[in-house]
C-alpha cells in the first residue's frame, strides 16, 4: 500500500518537466492536455513544464500554438 499523503505532498511542492517525443496523432493531444492542465491534478498544473519534439516543423508549430515548448532536436 502506498502512503498517499507523502506522495501528494511531494507532487504539490515539486516542479516537473515532461518531454513528449513525437507530436503526431497521439503525442500532440497528450502534450496539449499536459501543457494546458486539462486532466492534470490542479495542485501541480502550474509546476508542469511540457517540451515537445517532432521532426515535422508543422507539428512543432501546432504544438507551440497549443502552449507546448518545442525543440528543434530530440537531444
Protein backbone atom coordinates (compact mmCIF):
# COMPACT_ATOMS: atom_id res chain seq x y z
CA UNK A 1 0.00 0.00 0.00
CA UNK A 2 1.31 3.46 -0.91
CA UNK A 3 1.33 6.33 1.57
CA UNK A 4 -0.70 8.83 -0.49
CA UNK A 5 -0.19 11.66 1.99
CA UNK A 6 3.55 11.66 1.36
CA UNK A 7 3.10 11.25 -2.40
CA UNK A 8 0.61 14.15 -2.58
CA UNK A 9 2.91 16.41 -0.59
CA UNK A 10 5.80 15.65 -2.93
CA UNK A 11 3.77 16.42 -6.08
CA UNK A 12 2.36 19.65 -4.68
CA UNK A 13 5.79 21.08 -3.91
CA UNK A 14 7.76 19.90 -6.92
CA UNK A 15 8.48 21.25 -10.39
CA UNK A 16 8.33 18.79 -13.26
CA UNK A 17 9.45 18.88 -16.88
CA UNK A 18 7.80 16.44 -19.26
CA UNK A 19 9.18 15.65 -22.72
CA UNK A 20 6.93 14.32 -25.47
CA UNK A 21 8.88 12.83 -28.36
CA UNK A 22 6.62 12.67 -31.39
CA UNK A 23 3.80 15.16 -31.83
CA UNK A 24 1.66 13.08 -34.16
CA UNK A 25 -1.87 11.74 -33.74
CA UNK A 26 -1.23 10.65 -30.15
CA UNK A 27 1.67 12.81 -28.97
CA UNK A 28 0.20 16.22 -29.82
CA UNK A 29 -3.08 15.74 -27.90
CA UNK A 30 -1.19 14.30 -24.93
CA UNK A 31 1.29 17.19 -24.88
CA UNK A 32 -1.50 19.74 -25.26
CA UNK A 33 -3.51 18.28 -22.37
CA UNK A 34 -0.46 18.31 -20.13
CA UNK A 35 0.52 21.86 -21.15
CA UNK A 36 -2.98 23.26 -20.61
CA UNK A 37 -3.59 21.33 -17.40
CA UNK A 38 -6.70 19.51 -18.62
CA UNK A 39 -6.88 16.17 -16.87
CA UNK A 40 -3.96 17.01 -14.57
CA UNK A 41 -4.15 17.32 -10.79
CA UNK A 42 -4.97 21.01 -10.14
CA UNK A 43 -2.31 21.28 -7.42
CA UNK A 44 0.51 20.62 -9.89
CA UNK A 45 -0.70 22.37 -13.06
CA UNK A 46 1.45 25.48 -12.57
CA UNK A 47 4.50 23.33 -11.85
CA UNK A 48 4.43 21.25 -15.05
CA UNK A 49 6.58 22.30 -18.00
CA UNK A 50 5.94 20.44 -21.27
CA UNK A 51 8.53 20.24 -24.06
CA UNK A 52 7.77 18.54 -27.36
CA UNK A 53 9.78 17.36 -30.34
CA UNK A 54 8.80 16.19 -33.79
CA UNK A 55 10.83 16.02 -37.00
CA UNK A 56 7.98 17.86 -38.76
CA UNK A 57 8.12 21.64 -38.38
CA UNK A 58 4.35 21.77 -38.99
CA UNK A 59 3.69 19.53 -35.98
CA UNK A 60 6.04 21.62 -33.83
CA UNK A 61 4.16 24.77 -34.88
CA UNK A 62 0.82 23.18 -33.93
CA UNK A 63 2.26 22.19 -30.56
CA UNK A 64 3.66 25.67 -29.94
CA UNK A 65 0.25 27.18 -30.72
CA UNK A 66 -1.20 24.88 -28.03
CA UNK A 67 1.21 26.04 -25.33
CA UNK A 68 3.87 23.35 -25.67
CA UNK A 69 7.50 24.47 -25.65
CA UNK A 70 9.04 22.91 -28.75
CA UNK A 71 12.57 21.77 -29.53
CA UNK A 72 14.31 21.54 -32.91
CA UNK A 73 16.24 18.43 -31.83
CA UNK A 74 15.45 15.47 -29.62
CA UNK A 75 18.61 15.96 -27.53
